[in-house]
N, C-alpha and C. Protein backbone atom coordinates (compact mmCIF):
# COMPACT_ATOMS: atom_id res chain seq x y z
N MET A 1 0.85 -1.19 0.00
CA MET A 1 0.00 0.00 0.00
C MET A 1 0.88 1.24 0.00
N LYS A 2 0.61 2.16 -0.92
CA LYS A 2 1.41 3.38 -1.00
C LYS A 2 1.03 4.35 0.12
N SER A 3 2.06 5.09 0.57
CA SER A 3 1.79 6.11 1.58
C SER A 3 0.93 7.21 0.98
N PRO A 4 -0.10 7.67 1.72
CA PRO A 4 -0.96 8.74 1.20
C PRO A 4 -0.25 10.08 1.13
N PHE A 5 0.96 10.16 1.72
CA PHE A 5 1.66 11.44 1.74
C PHE A 5 2.67 11.56 0.60
N ILE A 6 2.83 10.54 -0.23
CA ILE A 6 3.75 10.57 -1.36
C ILE A 6 2.94 10.62 -2.65
N GLN A 7 3.07 11.73 -3.36
CA GLN A 7 2.36 11.86 -4.62
C GLN A 7 3.14 11.16 -5.73
N THR A 8 2.41 10.73 -6.77
CA THR A 8 3.07 10.08 -7.92
C THR A 8 3.98 11.06 -8.64
N GLN A 9 3.54 12.29 -8.83
CA GLN A 9 4.33 13.34 -9.46
C GLN A 9 4.28 14.58 -8.56
N PRO A 10 5.11 14.60 -7.52
CA PRO A 10 5.06 15.69 -6.57
C PRO A 10 5.53 17.01 -7.17
N GLU A 11 5.01 18.08 -6.68
CA GLU A 11 5.47 19.41 -7.08
C GLU A 11 6.90 19.60 -6.59
N GLN A 12 7.76 20.16 -7.43
CA GLN A 12 9.16 20.35 -7.09
C GLN A 12 9.38 21.74 -6.52
N LEU A 13 10.02 21.80 -5.36
CA LEU A 13 10.37 23.08 -4.76
C LEU A 13 11.77 23.49 -5.19
N GLN A 14 11.98 24.77 -5.36
CA GLN A 14 13.29 25.30 -5.68
C GLN A 14 13.96 25.72 -4.37
N PHE A 15 14.90 24.91 -3.91
CA PHE A 15 15.52 25.16 -2.61
C PHE A 15 16.74 26.07 -2.72
N LYS A 16 16.90 26.92 -1.75
CA LYS A 16 18.16 27.61 -1.51
C LYS A 16 18.85 26.86 -0.37
N VAL A 17 20.00 26.27 -0.64
CA VAL A 17 20.69 25.45 0.36
C VAL A 17 21.64 26.30 1.18
N GLU A 18 21.50 26.25 2.48
CA GLU A 18 22.38 26.97 3.39
C GLU A 18 23.10 25.97 4.28
N ASP A 19 24.42 26.00 4.26
CA ASP A 19 25.21 25.12 5.13
C ASP A 19 25.35 25.77 6.50
N THR A 20 24.78 25.14 7.52
CA THR A 20 24.85 25.68 8.87
C THR A 20 25.57 24.70 9.78
N PHE A 21 26.06 25.21 10.91
CA PHE A 21 26.79 24.39 11.89
C PHE A 21 27.90 23.59 11.22
N LYS A 22 28.76 24.30 10.50
CA LYS A 22 29.83 23.65 9.76
C LYS A 22 30.90 23.10 10.71
N CYS A 23 31.58 22.07 10.27
CA CYS A 23 32.69 21.46 10.99
C CYS A 23 33.93 21.50 10.10
N PRO A 24 34.66 22.60 10.08
CA PRO A 24 35.78 22.73 9.14
C PRO A 24 36.98 21.89 9.53
N ILE A 25 37.72 21.46 8.53
CA ILE A 25 39.02 20.82 8.71
C ILE A 25 40.02 21.59 7.85
N TYR A 26 41.14 21.97 8.43
CA TYR A 26 42.11 22.84 7.76
C TYR A 26 43.34 22.03 7.35
N ILE A 27 43.67 22.07 6.08
CA ILE A 27 44.79 21.31 5.52
C ILE A 27 45.87 22.28 5.04
N ALA A 28 47.12 21.98 5.39
CA ALA A 28 48.25 22.79 4.92
C ALA A 28 49.44 21.86 4.71
N HIS A 29 50.45 22.33 3.99
CA HIS A 29 51.63 21.51 3.71
C HIS A 29 52.90 22.29 4.03
N LYS A 30 53.80 21.63 4.74
CA LYS A 30 55.11 22.21 5.04
C LYS A 30 56.15 21.09 4.98
N PRO A 31 56.45 20.61 3.79
CA PRO A 31 57.33 19.44 3.63
C PRO A 31 58.78 19.70 4.04
N GLU A 32 59.19 20.96 4.11
CA GLU A 32 60.59 21.24 4.41
C GLU A 32 60.98 20.88 5.85
N TRP A 33 60.00 20.61 6.70
CA TRP A 33 60.30 20.22 8.08
C TRP A 33 60.41 18.71 8.27
N VAL A 34 60.00 17.94 7.29
CA VAL A 34 59.91 16.49 7.48
C VAL A 34 61.26 15.86 7.84
N LYS A 35 62.30 16.18 7.09
CA LYS A 35 63.60 15.54 7.29
C LYS A 35 64.16 15.85 8.68
N SER A 36 64.15 17.11 9.08
CA SER A 36 64.74 17.49 10.36
C SER A 36 63.92 16.96 11.55
N LEU A 37 62.59 16.97 11.42
CA LEU A 37 61.76 16.49 12.53
C LEU A 37 61.78 14.97 12.63
N ASN A 38 61.96 14.28 11.51
CA ASN A 38 62.15 12.83 11.59
C ASN A 38 63.47 12.51 12.29
N LYS A 39 64.51 13.26 11.95
CA LYS A 39 65.81 13.05 12.59
C LYS A 39 65.73 13.29 14.09
N ALA A 40 65.00 14.34 14.49
CA ALA A 40 64.85 14.64 15.91
C ALA A 40 63.97 13.61 16.61
N SER A 41 63.04 13.02 15.87
CA SER A 41 62.11 12.05 16.46
C SER A 41 62.71 10.65 16.59
N ASP A 42 63.68 10.33 15.75
CA ASP A 42 64.24 8.97 15.73
C ASP A 42 64.70 8.49 17.11
N PRO A 43 65.56 9.24 17.82
CA PRO A 43 66.02 8.73 19.13
C PRO A 43 64.90 8.70 20.17
N ILE A 44 63.91 9.57 20.03
CA ILE A 44 62.79 9.58 20.98
C ILE A 44 61.95 8.32 20.82
N ILE A 45 61.59 8.00 19.57
CA ILE A 45 60.81 6.79 19.30
C ILE A 45 61.60 5.55 19.68
N LYS A 46 62.90 5.54 19.38
CA LYS A 46 63.75 4.39 19.72
C LYS A 46 63.76 4.17 21.24
N ARG A 47 63.84 5.24 22.01
CA ARG A 47 63.85 5.12 23.46
C ARG A 47 62.52 4.57 23.98
N VAL A 48 61.40 5.05 23.42
CA VAL A 48 60.08 4.56 23.82
C VAL A 48 59.95 3.07 23.50
N GLU A 49 60.41 2.69 22.30
CA GLU A 49 60.33 1.29 21.88
C GLU A 49 61.19 0.40 22.78
N ASP A 50 62.42 0.84 23.10
CA ASP A 50 63.31 0.06 23.96
C ASP A 50 62.73 -0.10 25.36
N ASN A 51 62.09 0.95 25.88
CA ASN A 51 61.49 0.88 27.21
C ASN A 51 60.35 -0.15 27.25
N TRP A 52 59.58 -0.21 26.17
CA TRP A 52 58.50 -1.19 26.10
C TRP A 52 59.06 -2.60 26.00
N LYS A 53 60.08 -2.79 25.21
CA LYS A 53 60.69 -4.11 25.06
C LYS A 53 61.26 -4.59 26.40
N LYS A 54 61.87 -3.67 27.15
CA LYS A 54 62.42 -4.02 28.47
C LYS A 54 61.29 -4.39 29.43
N LYS A 55 60.21 -3.62 29.38
CA LYS A 55 59.08 -3.88 30.25
C LYS A 55 58.48 -5.27 29.97
N ILE A 56 58.36 -5.59 28.68
CA ILE A 56 57.81 -6.89 28.29
C ILE A 56 58.75 -8.02 28.74
N LYS A 57 60.07 -7.81 28.56
CA LYS A 57 61.04 -8.83 28.94
C LYS A 57 61.06 -9.03 30.45
N ASP A 58 61.01 -7.95 31.22
CA ASP A 58 61.06 -8.04 32.68
C ASP A 58 59.83 -8.75 33.25
N LYS A 59 58.68 -8.54 32.61
CA LYS A 59 57.46 -9.18 33.10
C LYS A 59 57.43 -10.66 32.77
N LYS A 60 58.12 -11.05 31.72
CA LYS A 60 58.15 -12.45 31.29
C LYS A 60 56.73 -13.00 31.16
N ASP A 61 55.89 -12.20 30.54
CA ASP A 61 54.48 -12.55 30.36
C ASP A 61 54.15 -12.48 28.88
N SER A 62 53.77 -13.59 28.31
CA SER A 62 53.51 -13.64 26.87
C SER A 62 52.30 -12.80 26.46
N THR A 63 51.46 -12.45 27.44
CA THR A 63 50.27 -11.65 27.12
C THR A 63 50.60 -10.16 27.04
N THR A 64 51.75 -9.75 27.55
CA THR A 64 52.16 -8.34 27.49
C THR A 64 52.82 -8.08 26.15
N LYS A 65 52.24 -7.18 25.38
CA LYS A 65 52.72 -6.92 24.03
C LYS A 65 52.95 -5.43 23.82
N MET A 66 53.52 -5.11 22.68
CA MET A 66 53.73 -3.71 22.33
C MET A 66 52.39 -3.00 22.22
N PRO A 67 52.32 -1.71 22.57
CA PRO A 67 51.06 -0.98 22.49
C PRO A 67 50.67 -0.69 21.05
N ASN A 68 49.43 -0.21 20.87
CA ASN A 68 48.96 0.13 19.53
C ASN A 68 49.72 1.31 18.94
N SER A 69 50.31 2.12 19.80
CA SER A 69 51.03 3.30 19.33
C SER A 69 52.19 3.58 20.26
N LEU A 70 53.38 3.79 19.70
CA LEU A 70 54.53 4.23 20.50
C LEU A 70 54.41 5.73 20.70
N HIS A 71 54.28 6.15 21.93
CA HIS A 71 53.85 7.50 22.27
C HIS A 71 54.95 8.19 23.07
N SER A 72 55.43 9.34 22.59
CA SER A 72 56.54 10.02 23.25
C SER A 72 56.06 10.89 24.41
N GLU A 73 57.03 11.43 25.12
CA GLU A 73 56.76 12.47 26.10
C GLU A 73 56.48 13.78 25.36
N LEU A 74 56.18 14.85 26.11
CA LEU A 74 55.91 16.16 25.50
C LEU A 74 57.16 16.69 24.81
N LEU A 75 56.98 17.19 23.59
CA LEU A 75 58.11 17.53 22.73
C LEU A 75 58.65 18.94 22.92
N TRP A 76 57.89 19.84 23.56
CA TRP A 76 58.37 21.22 23.61
C TRP A 76 59.61 21.38 24.49
N GLN A 77 59.99 20.31 25.20
CA GLN A 77 61.22 20.38 25.99
C GLN A 77 62.47 20.25 25.12
N TYR A 78 62.28 19.88 23.84
CA TYR A 78 63.40 19.73 22.92
C TYR A 78 63.47 20.93 21.98
N PRO A 79 64.66 21.54 21.83
CA PRO A 79 64.78 22.72 20.98
C PRO A 79 64.43 22.45 19.51
N GLU A 80 64.59 21.22 19.04
CA GLU A 80 64.30 20.90 17.64
C GLU A 80 62.81 21.07 17.30
N PHE A 81 61.95 21.07 18.32
CA PHE A 81 60.51 21.16 18.09
C PHE A 81 59.94 22.53 18.45
N LYS A 82 60.81 23.49 18.72
CA LYS A 82 60.35 24.82 19.11
C LYS A 82 59.59 25.50 17.99
N ASP A 83 60.09 25.43 16.76
CA ASP A 83 59.46 26.12 15.64
C ASP A 83 58.07 25.57 15.34
N ILE A 84 57.93 24.24 15.34
CA ILE A 84 56.62 23.68 15.03
C ILE A 84 55.65 23.97 16.17
N ALA A 85 56.14 24.00 17.40
CA ALA A 85 55.26 24.32 18.54
C ALA A 85 54.72 25.75 18.40
N ASN A 86 55.59 26.69 18.05
CA ASN A 86 55.17 28.08 17.90
C ASN A 86 54.19 28.24 16.74
N LEU A 87 54.46 27.56 15.62
CA LEU A 87 53.57 27.66 14.47
C LEU A 87 52.19 27.09 14.80
N ILE A 88 52.15 25.94 15.46
CA ILE A 88 50.87 25.33 15.83
C ILE A 88 50.08 26.25 16.74
N LEU A 89 50.74 26.84 17.70
CA LEU A 89 50.07 27.73 18.65
C LEU A 89 49.46 28.93 17.93
N GLN A 90 50.22 29.55 17.03
CA GLN A 90 49.74 30.73 16.31
C GLN A 90 48.62 30.38 15.35
N GLN A 91 48.78 29.31 14.59
CA GLN A 91 47.76 28.94 13.61
C GLN A 91 46.46 28.49 14.28
N SER A 92 46.57 27.80 15.40
CA SER A 92 45.37 27.39 16.13
C SER A 92 44.61 28.61 16.65
N TRP A 93 45.36 29.59 17.13
CA TRP A 93 44.74 30.84 17.60
C TRP A 93 44.05 31.56 16.46
N ASN A 94 44.71 31.59 15.30
CA ASN A 94 44.10 32.21 14.12
C ASN A 94 42.80 31.51 13.73
N ILE A 95 42.78 30.20 13.78
CA ILE A 95 41.59 29.44 13.42
C ILE A 95 40.41 29.82 14.31
N LEU A 96 40.65 29.93 15.61
CA LEU A 96 39.57 30.31 16.52
C LEU A 96 39.07 31.73 16.22
N HIS A 97 39.99 32.63 15.84
CA HIS A 97 39.58 33.98 15.42
C HIS A 97 38.71 33.90 14.17
N TRP A 98 39.14 33.13 13.18
CA TRP A 98 38.37 33.00 11.93
C TRP A 98 36.98 32.45 12.19
N GLN A 99 36.86 31.61 13.19
CA GLN A 99 35.57 30.99 13.49
C GLN A 99 34.65 31.89 14.31
N GLY A 100 35.14 33.08 14.65
CA GLY A 100 34.28 34.07 15.29
C GLY A 100 34.27 34.07 16.80
N TYR A 101 35.16 33.33 17.43
CA TYR A 101 35.18 33.28 18.89
C TYR A 101 35.76 34.57 19.48
N ASN A 102 35.22 34.98 20.61
CA ASN A 102 35.73 36.13 21.36
C ASN A 102 36.88 35.65 22.24
N LEU A 103 38.09 36.07 21.91
CA LEU A 103 39.29 35.61 22.61
C LEU A 103 39.94 36.73 23.43
N ASP A 104 39.17 37.81 23.68
CA ASP A 104 39.74 38.97 24.36
C ASP A 104 40.32 38.63 25.72
N ASN A 105 39.69 37.74 26.46
CA ASN A 105 40.13 37.41 27.80
C ASN A 105 40.73 36.00 27.88
N ARG A 106 41.30 35.57 26.76
CA ARG A 106 41.88 34.24 26.69
C ARG A 106 43.35 34.31 26.28
N LEU A 107 44.06 33.26 26.59
CA LEU A 107 45.46 33.12 26.19
C LEU A 107 45.65 31.78 25.48
N PRO A 108 46.46 31.73 24.42
CA PRO A 108 46.72 30.45 23.75
C PRO A 108 47.70 29.61 24.56
N MET A 109 47.37 28.34 24.72
CA MET A 109 48.24 27.43 25.47
C MET A 109 48.30 26.08 24.74
N LEU A 110 49.50 25.65 24.43
CA LEU A 110 49.70 24.34 23.84
C LEU A 110 49.70 23.32 24.98
N THR A 111 48.67 22.49 25.04
CA THR A 111 48.54 21.55 26.16
C THR A 111 49.26 20.24 25.91
N GLU A 112 49.37 19.84 24.65
CA GLU A 112 50.02 18.56 24.34
C GLU A 112 50.70 18.63 22.98
N LEU A 113 51.85 18.01 22.90
CA LEU A 113 52.61 17.92 21.65
C LEU A 113 53.49 16.68 21.76
N TRP A 114 53.17 15.65 21.00
CA TRP A 114 53.94 14.42 21.08
C TRP A 114 54.08 13.78 19.71
N VAL A 115 55.07 12.93 19.56
CA VAL A 115 55.24 12.16 18.33
C VAL A 115 54.81 10.73 18.59
N GLN A 116 54.15 10.13 17.60
CA GLN A 116 53.68 8.76 17.71
C GLN A 116 54.11 7.97 16.48
N GLU A 117 54.39 6.71 16.71
CA GLU A 117 54.67 5.80 15.59
C GLU A 117 53.96 4.49 15.86
N PHE A 118 53.26 4.00 14.86
CA PHE A 118 52.58 2.71 15.00
C PHE A 118 53.59 1.59 14.83
N PRO A 119 53.48 0.53 15.63
CA PRO A 119 54.35 -0.63 15.43
C PRO A 119 54.20 -1.16 14.01
N GLU A 120 55.09 -2.06 13.63
CA GLU A 120 55.11 -2.51 12.24
C GLU A 120 53.77 -3.07 11.78
N VAL A 121 53.06 -3.75 12.69
CA VAL A 121 51.74 -4.29 12.34
C VAL A 121 50.79 -4.05 13.50
N GLY A 122 49.59 -3.61 13.20
CA GLY A 122 48.55 -3.60 14.22
C GLY A 122 48.26 -2.29 14.90
N GLY A 123 48.95 -1.23 14.55
CA GLY A 123 48.67 0.05 15.19
C GLY A 123 47.32 0.61 14.78
N PHE A 124 46.65 1.27 15.70
CA PHE A 124 45.39 1.94 15.40
C PHE A 124 45.02 2.84 16.58
N HIS A 125 44.04 3.71 16.39
CA HIS A 125 43.44 4.50 17.45
C HIS A 125 41.93 4.34 17.37
N ASP A 126 41.30 4.03 18.49
CA ASP A 126 39.84 4.04 18.55
C ASP A 126 39.32 5.46 18.44
N ILE A 127 38.05 5.61 18.11
CA ILE A 127 37.43 6.91 18.00
C ILE A 127 37.47 7.63 19.35
N HIS A 128 37.85 8.91 19.34
CA HIS A 128 37.95 9.69 20.57
C HIS A 128 37.95 11.18 20.24
N GLU A 129 37.78 12.01 21.27
CA GLU A 129 37.94 13.45 21.15
C GLU A 129 38.96 13.90 22.19
N HIS A 130 39.31 15.19 22.17
CA HIS A 130 40.25 15.74 23.14
C HIS A 130 39.54 16.79 23.98
N GLY A 131 38.98 16.34 25.10
CA GLY A 131 38.24 17.23 25.98
C GLY A 131 39.10 18.33 26.58
N ASN A 132 38.46 19.44 26.91
CA ASN A 132 39.13 20.60 27.54
C ASN A 132 40.19 21.21 26.64
N ASN A 133 40.06 21.00 25.33
CA ASN A 133 40.91 21.66 24.34
C ASN A 133 40.02 22.28 23.27
N HIS A 134 40.60 23.12 22.43
CA HIS A 134 39.80 23.81 21.42
C HIS A 134 40.24 23.52 19.98
N VAL A 135 41.53 23.36 19.76
CA VAL A 135 42.03 23.00 18.43
C VAL A 135 43.01 21.84 18.58
N SER A 136 42.86 20.84 17.72
CA SER A 136 43.75 19.69 17.71
C SER A 136 44.27 19.48 16.29
N GLY A 137 45.24 18.59 16.15
CA GLY A 137 45.72 18.34 14.80
C GLY A 137 46.91 17.40 14.73
N PHE A 138 47.38 17.23 13.50
CA PHE A 138 48.48 16.31 13.20
C PHE A 138 49.46 16.96 12.22
N TYR A 139 50.71 16.54 12.32
CA TYR A 139 51.71 16.82 11.30
C TYR A 139 52.35 15.47 10.96
N PHE A 140 52.29 15.07 9.69
CA PHE A 140 52.69 13.72 9.29
C PHE A 140 54.15 13.68 8.86
N LEU A 141 54.88 12.71 9.42
CA LEU A 141 56.30 12.56 9.16
C LEU A 141 56.62 11.36 8.28
N LYS A 142 55.95 10.23 8.52
CA LYS A 142 56.15 9.03 7.71
C LYS A 142 54.79 8.42 7.41
N CYS A 143 54.40 8.40 6.15
CA CYS A 143 53.11 7.86 5.77
C CYS A 143 53.07 7.69 4.25
N SER A 144 52.09 6.92 3.80
CA SER A 144 51.91 6.70 2.37
C SER A 144 50.54 6.08 2.17
N GLU A 145 50.25 5.70 0.95
CA GLU A 145 48.99 5.01 0.64
C GLU A 145 48.92 3.65 1.32
N LYS A 146 50.06 3.12 1.77
CA LYS A 146 50.11 1.79 2.38
C LYS A 146 50.04 1.82 3.90
N THR A 147 49.93 3.01 4.49
CA THR A 147 49.91 3.12 5.95
C THR A 147 48.52 3.44 6.46
N SER A 148 48.42 3.56 7.77
CA SER A 148 47.18 4.01 8.39
C SER A 148 46.90 5.46 7.98
N HIS A 149 45.71 5.92 8.28
CA HIS A 149 45.33 7.32 8.01
C HIS A 149 44.20 7.71 8.96
N PRO A 150 43.99 9.01 9.17
CA PRO A 150 42.93 9.45 10.09
C PRO A 150 41.54 9.36 9.47
N VAL A 151 40.57 9.13 10.34
CA VAL A 151 39.16 9.12 9.97
C VAL A 151 38.43 10.06 10.92
N PHE A 152 37.67 11.00 10.36
CA PHE A 152 36.89 11.92 11.16
C PHE A 152 35.42 11.49 11.16
N HIS A 153 34.80 11.58 12.34
CA HIS A 153 33.42 11.18 12.50
C HIS A 153 32.54 12.38 12.79
N ASP A 154 31.29 12.32 12.35
CA ASP A 154 30.34 13.40 12.56
C ASP A 154 30.16 13.64 14.06
N PRO A 155 30.37 14.87 14.54
CA PRO A 155 30.27 15.13 15.97
C PRO A 155 28.85 15.38 16.48
N ARG A 156 27.85 15.36 15.60
CA ARG A 156 26.48 15.70 16.03
C ARG A 156 25.77 14.49 16.62
N PRO A 157 25.53 14.48 17.94
CA PRO A 157 24.88 13.32 18.56
C PRO A 157 23.46 13.10 18.05
N GLY A 158 22.76 14.18 17.71
CA GLY A 158 21.40 14.03 17.21
C GLY A 158 21.34 13.25 15.91
N LYS A 159 22.33 13.46 15.04
CA LYS A 159 22.38 12.71 13.77
C LYS A 159 22.62 11.23 14.03
N LYS A 160 23.51 10.94 14.96
CA LYS A 160 23.83 9.54 15.25
C LYS A 160 22.59 8.80 15.78
N MET A 161 21.75 9.50 16.52
CA MET A 161 20.57 8.86 17.11
C MET A 161 19.55 8.46 16.05
N THR A 162 19.52 9.18 14.92
CA THR A 162 18.46 8.95 13.93
C THR A 162 19.03 8.66 12.55
N ASP A 163 20.26 8.16 12.47
CA ASP A 163 20.95 8.03 11.19
C ASP A 163 20.33 6.97 10.29
N LEU A 164 20.51 7.16 8.99
CA LEU A 164 20.06 6.22 7.97
C LEU A 164 21.27 5.66 7.23
N GLN A 165 21.07 4.55 6.56
CA GLN A 165 22.13 3.96 5.75
C GLN A 165 22.31 4.76 4.47
N MET A 166 23.57 4.98 4.09
CA MET A 166 23.87 5.73 2.88
C MET A 166 23.71 4.84 1.64
N LYS A 167 23.28 5.44 0.53
CA LYS A 167 23.17 4.69 -0.73
C LYS A 167 24.53 4.23 -1.21
N ASP A 168 25.54 5.11 -1.11
CA ASP A 168 26.90 4.77 -1.54
C ASP A 168 27.87 5.32 -0.49
N PRO A 169 28.28 4.49 0.47
CA PRO A 169 29.17 4.98 1.55
C PRO A 169 30.50 5.51 1.06
N SER A 170 30.90 5.17 -0.18
CA SER A 170 32.20 5.62 -0.69
C SER A 170 32.18 7.08 -1.11
N LYS A 171 30.99 7.66 -1.25
CA LYS A 171 30.85 9.05 -1.67
C LYS A 171 30.61 9.95 -0.46
N VAL A 172 31.24 11.13 -0.48
CA VAL A 172 31.03 12.10 0.60
C VAL A 172 29.80 12.94 0.28
N ASN A 173 28.85 12.94 1.21
CA ASN A 173 27.61 13.67 0.99
C ASN A 173 27.15 14.24 2.32
N TYR A 174 26.02 14.96 2.31
CA TYR A 174 25.50 15.54 3.54
C TYR A 174 25.19 14.48 4.59
N GLY A 175 24.85 13.29 4.15
CA GLY A 175 24.50 12.23 5.08
C GLY A 175 25.68 11.43 5.60
N SER A 176 26.89 11.70 5.09
CA SER A 176 28.06 10.92 5.50
C SER A 176 28.31 11.05 7.00
N SER A 177 28.67 9.95 7.63
CA SER A 177 28.94 9.96 9.06
C SER A 177 30.43 9.92 9.38
N GLN A 178 31.27 9.65 8.37
CA GLN A 178 32.71 9.64 8.58
C GLN A 178 33.44 9.96 7.28
N LEU A 179 34.64 10.53 7.44
CA LEU A 179 35.47 10.90 6.30
C LEU A 179 36.88 10.34 6.49
N HIS A 180 37.39 9.66 5.47
CA HIS A 180 38.75 9.14 5.49
C HIS A 180 39.68 10.16 4.81
N TYR A 181 40.80 10.47 5.47
CA TYR A 181 41.75 11.42 4.91
C TYR A 181 43.06 10.71 4.57
N LYS A 182 43.36 10.59 3.30
CA LYS A 182 44.65 10.08 2.87
C LYS A 182 45.69 11.19 3.06
N VAL A 183 46.84 10.85 3.59
CA VAL A 183 47.80 11.88 3.98
C VAL A 183 49.17 11.58 3.37
N LYS A 184 50.05 12.59 3.43
CA LYS A 184 51.41 12.44 2.93
C LYS A 184 52.35 13.20 3.84
N PRO A 185 53.65 12.87 3.84
CA PRO A 185 54.61 13.54 4.70
C PRO A 185 54.61 15.05 4.45
N GLY A 186 54.69 15.80 5.55
CA GLY A 186 54.69 17.25 5.47
C GLY A 186 53.32 17.88 5.53
N GLN A 187 52.28 17.09 5.69
CA GLN A 187 50.91 17.62 5.70
C GLN A 187 50.46 17.91 7.12
N PHE A 188 49.89 19.10 7.30
CA PHE A 188 49.22 19.48 8.54
C PHE A 188 47.72 19.26 8.39
N ILE A 189 47.07 18.83 9.47
CA ILE A 189 45.62 18.85 9.58
C ILE A 189 45.27 19.48 10.92
N PHE A 190 44.50 20.57 10.87
CA PHE A 190 43.97 21.23 12.07
C PHE A 190 42.46 21.02 12.11
N PHE A 191 41.89 20.86 13.31
CA PHE A 191 40.45 20.71 13.44
C PHE A 191 40.03 21.06 14.87
N ASN A 192 38.75 21.35 15.06
CA ASN A 192 38.25 21.63 16.40
C ASN A 192 38.31 20.36 17.25
N SER A 193 38.67 20.51 18.50
CA SER A 193 38.94 19.35 19.35
C SER A 193 37.69 18.53 19.65
N TYR A 194 36.51 19.10 19.40
CA TYR A 194 35.29 18.31 19.62
C TYR A 194 35.06 17.27 18.51
N MET A 195 35.86 17.32 17.46
CA MET A 195 35.67 16.42 16.33
C MET A 195 36.16 15.01 16.68
N PRO A 196 35.28 14.01 16.71
CA PRO A 196 35.73 12.64 16.96
C PRO A 196 36.60 12.15 15.81
N HIS A 197 37.68 11.48 16.15
CA HIS A 197 38.58 10.98 15.12
C HIS A 197 39.19 9.65 15.55
N ALA A 198 39.73 8.95 14.58
CA ALA A 198 40.34 7.64 14.82
C ALA A 198 41.41 7.42 13.76
N TYR A 199 42.17 6.33 13.92
CA TYR A 199 43.13 5.91 12.90
C TYR A 199 42.84 4.45 12.54
N VAL A 200 42.78 4.18 11.24
CA VAL A 200 42.48 2.83 10.79
C VAL A 200 43.65 1.89 11.09
N HIS A 201 43.36 0.61 11.09
CA HIS A 201 44.34 -0.43 11.39
C HIS A 201 45.53 -0.34 10.44
N HIS A 202 46.71 -0.33 11.02
CA HIS A 202 47.96 -0.21 10.24
C HIS A 202 48.49 -1.59 9.88
N GLU A 203 48.70 -1.84 8.61
CA GLU A 203 49.13 -3.16 8.14
C GLU A 203 50.65 -3.35 8.20
N GLY A 204 51.37 -2.26 8.46
CA GLY A 204 52.80 -2.41 8.69
C GLY A 204 53.66 -2.56 7.46
N LYS A 205 53.13 -2.24 6.29
CA LYS A 205 53.93 -2.37 5.07
C LYS A 205 54.99 -1.27 4.99
N GLU A 206 54.70 -0.11 5.58
CA GLU A 206 55.67 0.98 5.65
C GLU A 206 55.52 1.66 7.00
N LYS A 207 56.50 2.47 7.38
CA LYS A 207 56.46 3.17 8.66
C LYS A 207 55.36 4.23 8.67
N PHE A 208 54.75 4.40 9.84
CA PHE A 208 53.73 5.43 10.01
C PHE A 208 54.03 6.23 11.26
N ARG A 209 54.34 7.51 11.08
CA ARG A 209 54.74 8.38 12.20
C ARG A 209 54.12 9.76 12.01
N PHE A 210 53.65 10.34 13.10
CA PHE A 210 53.07 11.68 13.03
C PHE A 210 53.21 12.39 14.37
N ILE A 211 53.13 13.70 14.33
CA ILE A 211 53.09 14.54 15.53
C ILE A 211 51.64 14.93 15.79
N HIS A 212 51.20 14.76 17.02
CA HIS A 212 49.83 15.08 17.41
C HIS A 212 49.88 16.25 18.39
N PHE A 213 48.92 17.18 18.28
CA PHE A 213 48.95 18.34 19.17
C PHE A 213 47.55 18.77 19.57
N ASN A 214 47.47 19.44 20.74
CA ASN A 214 46.23 20.01 21.25
C ASN A 214 46.51 21.41 21.78
N MET A 215 45.58 22.32 21.53
CA MET A 215 45.71 23.70 21.97
C MET A 215 44.43 24.13 22.70
N GLN A 216 44.60 24.91 23.75
CA GLN A 216 43.48 25.41 24.54
C GLN A 216 43.52 26.93 24.61
N ALA A 217 42.36 27.56 24.42
CA ALA A 217 42.24 29.00 24.67
C ALA A 217 41.88 29.16 26.14
N THR A 218 42.90 29.25 26.97
CA THR A 218 42.71 29.25 28.41
C THR A 218 42.35 30.63 28.92
N ILE A 219 41.71 30.69 30.08
CA ILE A 219 41.33 31.97 30.69
C ILE A 219 42.58 32.73 31.11
N ASP A 220 42.63 34.00 30.78
CA ASP A 220 43.73 34.87 31.18
C ASP A 220 43.52 35.25 32.66
N PRO A 221 44.37 34.80 33.56
CA PRO A 221 44.16 35.10 34.99
C PRO A 221 44.29 36.57 35.32
N GLY A 222 44.91 37.32 34.42
CA GLY A 222 45.08 38.76 34.68
C GLY A 222 43.89 39.60 34.25
N LYS A 223 42.87 38.99 33.66
CA LYS A 223 41.71 39.74 33.17
C LYS A 223 40.43 39.04 33.62
N SER A 224 39.37 39.82 33.78
CA SER A 224 38.07 39.23 34.04
C SER A 224 37.54 38.64 32.75
N THR A 225 36.69 37.63 32.86
CA THR A 225 36.18 36.99 31.65
C THR A 225 34.73 36.61 31.82
N GLN A 226 34.05 36.50 30.72
CA GLN A 226 32.67 36.04 30.73
C GLN A 226 32.65 34.55 30.46
N VAL A 227 31.93 33.81 31.26
CA VAL A 227 31.82 32.37 31.08
C VAL A 227 30.82 32.07 29.98
């Protein structure tokens, strides 16, 4: 039985489409930093890997294995990462300005900056966000078409509650619930920290390494602010 609300030849409306509540992702390229930052990252990743191997050996437990991601300490303590830290801080602040936020009583603060490398096989990140931050992002050091890559998920909980199956999930459309981003060395990706993201399973055919960062527009203690 046909629905009484669907006409055989419905009248066509001429729509003006307005994109509201946008979720921008900012892409930039700075390949000239790849070689030097890889060189600076090599001993850091090696130390993290050696510490895990020692921990596994000391425990003598076959169930203890390498983690999904080799994760460094905070990088701003190293002079080699000073320039990228400053650039990230400034560009993240600019993004919040472009988005219309009132930052008069705020200060930019880089809360996290670390390098990660997935083990040869099996690295991945489950879907997550970065709470209490405002801008997050990545700078890719080692990657290719054969490595893992980031996936962004729709942050709107209302859409998730009432979602429908897409006709062609391979195409990006208004109904898409996730976007896969193929990346290359030297590529920056900036995004709002509320954006859920993940990394697909790494098959280990080539090395996969990137710098991850988070920035917060923190309250300026020297000024009054509106909550």
